[in-house]
Amino acid sequence: MNTMTVKRRYITLIEMIIVITLIGIIMGALAWRYTGALDKGRAFKTETGMARLETILNLAVAERPGLIDDIDSEWKKLVEKSSLVDDPNKLIYDGWGDEYDVSVEGGEIIIRSENYENYRRENP
């Protein structure tokens, strides 16, 4: 009777290092690509937030015209008290997590986000 010995082959350390390196390269490429999508999402959230915030503040001023003089310091309280807002924190902060800059110029409410402006400069 012939007996055959089966030789088992194990994975070597070098093979494991090569596979882990390739996985790391692929994940790095995906992560780099994914950050652009995150910035687009943040910019979109900021755009819609600024438009909605401007509408809410203009409605508050339309109801009480005297608010226009104090809007730059009282805007957060107006947003928190508004019945049109479910979660005030979503309208107080831009997509990057920083507060909006609200001011009045020539009787018009201006809402700015420094992060959004930087994003627009870098991505025309």
C-alpha atoms as a PDB file:
ATOM      1  CA  MET A   1       0.000   0.000   0.000  1.00  0.00           C
ATOM      2  CA  ASN A   2       1.292   3.392  -0.989  1.00  0.00           C
ATOM      3  CA  THR A   3       0.852   6.166   1.453  1.00  0.00           C
ATOM      4  CA  MET A   4       0.886   9.717   0.229  1.00  0.00           C
ATOM      5  CA  THR A   5       1.889  12.509   2.436  1.00  0.00           C
ATOM      6  CA  VAL A   6       0.012  15.715   1.883  1.00  0.00           C
ATOM      7  CA  LYS A   7       2.177  18.767   2.194  1.00  0.00           C
ATOM      8  CA  ARG A   8       0.321  21.759   3.626  1.00  0.00           C
ATOM      9  CA  ARG A   9       1.298  25.212   2.442  1.00  0.00           C
ATOM     10  CA  TYR A  10       0.960  28.067   4.886  1.00  0.00           C
ATOM     11  CA  ILE A  11       0.780  31.788   4.163  1.00  0.00           C
ATOM     12  CA  THR A  12       4.103  33.449   4.685  1.00  0.00           C
ATOM     13  CA  LEU A  13       4.661  36.703   6.491  1.00  0.00           C
ATOM     14  CA  ILE A  14       5.746  38.435   3.277  1.00  0.00           C
ATOM     15  CA  GLU A  15       2.511  37.460   1.525  1.00  0.00           C
ATOM     16  CA  MET A  16       0.497  38.854   4.429  1.00  0.00           C
ATOM     17  CA  ILE A  17       2.441  42.128   4.355  1.00  0.00           C
ATOM     18  CA  ILE A  18       1.848  42.477   0.604  1.00  0.00           C
ATOM     19  CA  VAL A  19      -1.900  41.894   0.972  1.00  0.00           C
ATOM     20  CA  ILE A  20      -2.191  44.342   3.877  1.00  0.00           C
ATOM     21  CA  THR A  21      -0.220  46.960   1.917  1.00  0.00           C
ATOM     22  CA  LEU A  22      -2.505  46.576  -1.108  1.00  0.00           C
ATOM     23  CA  ILE A  23      -5.596  46.890   1.082  1.00  0.00           C
ATOM     24  CA  GLY A  24      -4.116  50.039   2.652  1.00  0.00           C
ATOM     25  CA  ILE A  25      -3.441  51.604  -0.755  1.00  0.00           C
ATOM     26  CA  ILE A  26      -6.979  50.878  -1.932  1.00  0.00           C
ATOM     27  CA  MET A  27      -8.510  52.253   1.276  1.00  0.00           C
ATOM     28  CA  GLY A  28      -6.367  55.383   1.043  1.00  0.00           C
ATOM     29  CA  ALA A  29      -7.529  56.033  -2.511  1.00  0.00           C
ATOM     30  CA  LEU A  30     -11.163  55.563  -1.514  1.00  0.00           C
ATOM     31  CA  ALA A  31     -10.814  57.826   1.519  1.00  0.00           C
ATOM     32  CA  TRP A  32      -9.204  60.562  -0.579  1.00  0.00           C
ATOM     33  CA  ARG A  33     -12.039  60.332  -3.083  1.00  0.00           C
ATOM     34  CA  TYR A  34     -14.650  60.304  -0.323  1.00  0.00           C
ATOM     35  CA  THR A  35     -13.491  63.595   1.251  1.00  0.00           C
ATOM     36  CA  GLY A  36     -14.550  65.498  -1.860  1.00  0.00           C
ATOM     37  CA  ALA A  37     -18.062  64.107  -1.497  1.00  0.00           C
ATOM     38  CA  LEU A  38     -18.133  65.128   2.168  1.00  0.00           C
ATOM     39  CA  ASP A  39     -17.199  68.699   1.299  1.00  0.00           C
ATOM     40  CA  LYS A  40     -19.921  68.822  -1.360  1.00  0.00           C
ATOM     41  CA  GLY A  41     -22.424  67.654   1.237  1.00  0.00           C
ATOM     42  CA  ARG A  42     -21.256  70.256   3.732  1.00  0.00           C
ATOM     43  CA  ALA A  43     -21.515  72.981   1.086  1.00  0.00           C
ATOM     44  CA  PHE A  44     -25.035  71.873   0.149  1.00  0.00           C
ATOM     45  CA  LYS A  45     -26.130  71.835   3.805  1.00  0.00           C
ATOM     46  CA  THR A  46     -24.672  75.313   4.265  1.00  0.00           C
ATOM     47  CA  GLU A  47     -26.370  76.699   1.126  1.00  0.00           C
ATOM     48  CA  THR A  48     -29.776  75.407   2.148  1.00  0.00           C
ATOM     49  CA  GLY A  49     -29.232  76.445   5.764  1.00  0.00           C
ATOM     50  CA  MET A  50     -28.348  80.012   4.794  1.00  0.00           C
ATOM     51  CA  ALA A  51     -31.415  80.303   2.554  1.00  0.00           C
ATOM     52  CA  ARG A  52     -33.718  78.907   5.237  1.00  0.00           C
ATOM     53  CA  LEU A  53     -32.168  81.063   7.961  1.00  0.00           C
ATOM     54  CA  GLU A  54     -32.581  84.174   5.824  1.00  0.00           C
ATOM     55  CA  THR A  55     -36.247  83.333   5.218  1.00  0.00           C
ATOM     56  CA  ILE A  56     -36.943  82.775   8.917  1.00  0.00           C
ATOM     57  CA  LEU A  57     -35.208  85.998   9.948  1.00  0.00           C
ATOM     58  CA  ASN A  58     -36.993  88.001   7.232  1.00  0.00           C
ATOM     59  CA  LEU A  59     -40.337  86.618   8.432  1.00  0.00           C
ATOM     60  CA  ALA A  60     -39.502  87.635  12.008  1.00  0.00           C
ATOM     61  CA  VAL A  61     -38.580  91.148  10.856  1.00  0.00           C
ATOM     62  CA  ALA A  62     -41.772  91.363   8.779  1.00  0.00           C
ATOM     63  CA  GLU A  63     -43.799  90.582  11.911  1.00  0.00           C
ATOM     64  CA  ARG A  64     -41.828  93.028  14.085  1.00  0.00           C
ATOM     65  CA  PRO A  65     -39.894  95.603  12.007  1.00  0.00           C
ATOM     66  CA  GLY A  66     -38.006  96.908  15.050  1.00  0.00           C
ATOM     67  CA  LEU A  67     -35.979  93.674  15.154  1.00  0.00           C
ATOM     68  CA  ILE A  68     -33.875  94.679  12.158  1.00  0.00           C
ATOM     69  CA  ASP A  69     -31.643  96.855  14.363  1.00  0.00           C
ATOM     70  CA  ASP A  70     -30.796  93.995  16.746  1.00  0.00           C
ATOM     71  CA  ILE A  71     -30.854  91.079  14.331  1.00  0.00           C
ATOM     72  CA  ASP A  72     -27.069  90.591  14.340  1.00  0.00           C
ATOM     73  CA  SER A  73     -27.033  89.991  18.103  1.00  0.00           C
ATOM     74  CA  GLU A  74     -30.472  88.406  18.607  1.00  0.00           C
ATOM     75  CA  TRP A  75     -30.714  86.086  15.591  1.00  0.00           C
ATOM     76  CA  LYS A  76     -30.014  82.893  17.552  1.00  0.00           C
ATOM     77  CA  LYS A  77     -32.859  83.596  19.970  1.00  0.00           C
ATOM     78  CA  LEU A  78     -35.206  84.244  17.051  1.00  0.00           C
ATOM     79  CA  VAL A  79     -34.278  80.921  15.463  1.00  0.00           C
ATOM     80  CA  GLU A  80     -34.740  79.053  18.747  1.00  0.00           C
ATOM     81  CA  LYS A  81     -38.178  80.610  19.305  1.00  0.00           C
ATOM     82  CA  SER A  82     -39.409  80.165  15.729  1.00  0.00           C
ATOM     83  CA  SER A  83     -42.197  77.649  15.232  1.00  0.00           C
ATOM     84  CA  LEU A  84     -40.796  76.927  11.754  1.00  0.00           C
ATOM     85  CA  VAL A  85     -37.660  75.308  13.179  1.00  0.00           C
ATOM     86  CA  ASP A  86     -37.606  71.757  14.527  1.00  0.00           C
ATOM     87  CA  ASP A  87     -33.953  71.687  15.588  1.00  0.00           C
ATOM     88  CA  PRO A  88     -32.383  75.154  16.017  1.00  0.00           C
ATOM     89  CA  ASN A  89     -28.828  73.763  16.063  1.00  0.00           C
ATOM     90  CA  LYS A  90     -29.216  72.695  12.449  1.00  0.00           C
ATOM     91  CA  LEU A  91     -29.807  76.314  11.461  1.00  0.00           C
ATOM     92  CA  ILE A  92     -27.342  77.983  13.798  1.00  0.00           C
ATOM     93  CA  TYR A  93     -24.336  76.033  12.496  1.00  0.00           C
ATOM     94  CA  ASP A  94     -23.092  75.560   8.953  1.00  0.00           C
ATOM     95  CA  GLY A  95     -22.088  72.240   7.396  1.00  0.00           C
ATOM     96  CA  TRP A  96     -18.647  72.441   8.990  1.00  0.00           C
ATOM     97  CA  GLY A  97     -20.035  73.014  12.494  1.00  0.00           C
ATOM     98  CA  ASP A  98     -19.263  76.740  12.794  1.00  0.00           C
ATOM     99  CA  GLU A  99     -21.823  79.449  13.508  1.00  0.00           C
ATOM    100  CA  TYR A 100     -23.129  81.585  10.680  1.00  0.00           C
ATOM    101  CA  ASP A 101     -22.199  85.249  10.605  1.00  0.00           C
ATOM    102  CA  VAL A 102     -25.416  87.288  10.462  1.00  0.00           C
ATOM    103  CA  SER A 103     -25.358  91.020   9.798  1.00  0.00           C
ATOM    104  CA  VAL A 104     -27.561  93.764   8.370  1.00  0.00           C
ATOM    105  CA  GLU A 105     -26.340  95.903   5.484  1.00  0.00           C
ATOM    106  CA  GLY A 106     -28.598  98.551   3.999  1.00  0.00           C
ATOM    107  CA  GLY A 107     -31.682  97.076   5.632  1.00  0.00           C
ATOM    108  CA  GLU A 108     -30.964  93.630   4.174  1.00  0.00           C
ATOM    109  CA  ILE A 109     -30.071  90.566   6.250  1.00  0.00           C
ATOM    110  CA  ILE A 110     -26.744  89.071   5.145  1.00  0.00           C
ATOM    111  CA  ILE A 111     -25.775  85.546   6.181  1.00  0.00           C
ATOM    112  CA  ARG A 112     -22.217  84.370   5.641  1.00  0.00           C
ATOM    113  CA  SER A 113     -20.177  81.277   6.311  1.00  0.00           C
ATOM    114  CA  GLU A 114     -16.413  81.600   6.135  1.00  0.00           C
ATOM    115  CA  ASN A 115     -16.010  77.871   5.488  1.00  0.00           C
ATOM    116  CA  TYR A 116     -18.504  78.003   2.626  1.00  0.00           C
ATOM    117  CA  GLU A 117     -16.737  80.977   1.066  1.00  0.00           C
ATOM    118  CA  ASN A 118     -13.396  79.155   1.300  1.00  0.00           C
ATOM    119  CA  TYR A 119     -14.957  76.065  -0.294  1.00  0.00           C
ATOM    120  CA  ARG A 120     -16.337  78.177  -3.158  1.00  0.00           C
ATOM    121  CA  ARG A 121     -12.927  79.782  -3.724  1.00  0.00           C
ATOM    122  CA  GLU A 122     -11.231  76.385  -3.882  1.00  0.00           C
ATOM    123  CA  ASN A 123     -14.010  74.752  -5.965  1.00  0.00           C
ATOM    124  CA  PRO A 124     -15.371  77.312  -8.434  1.00  0.00           C
END
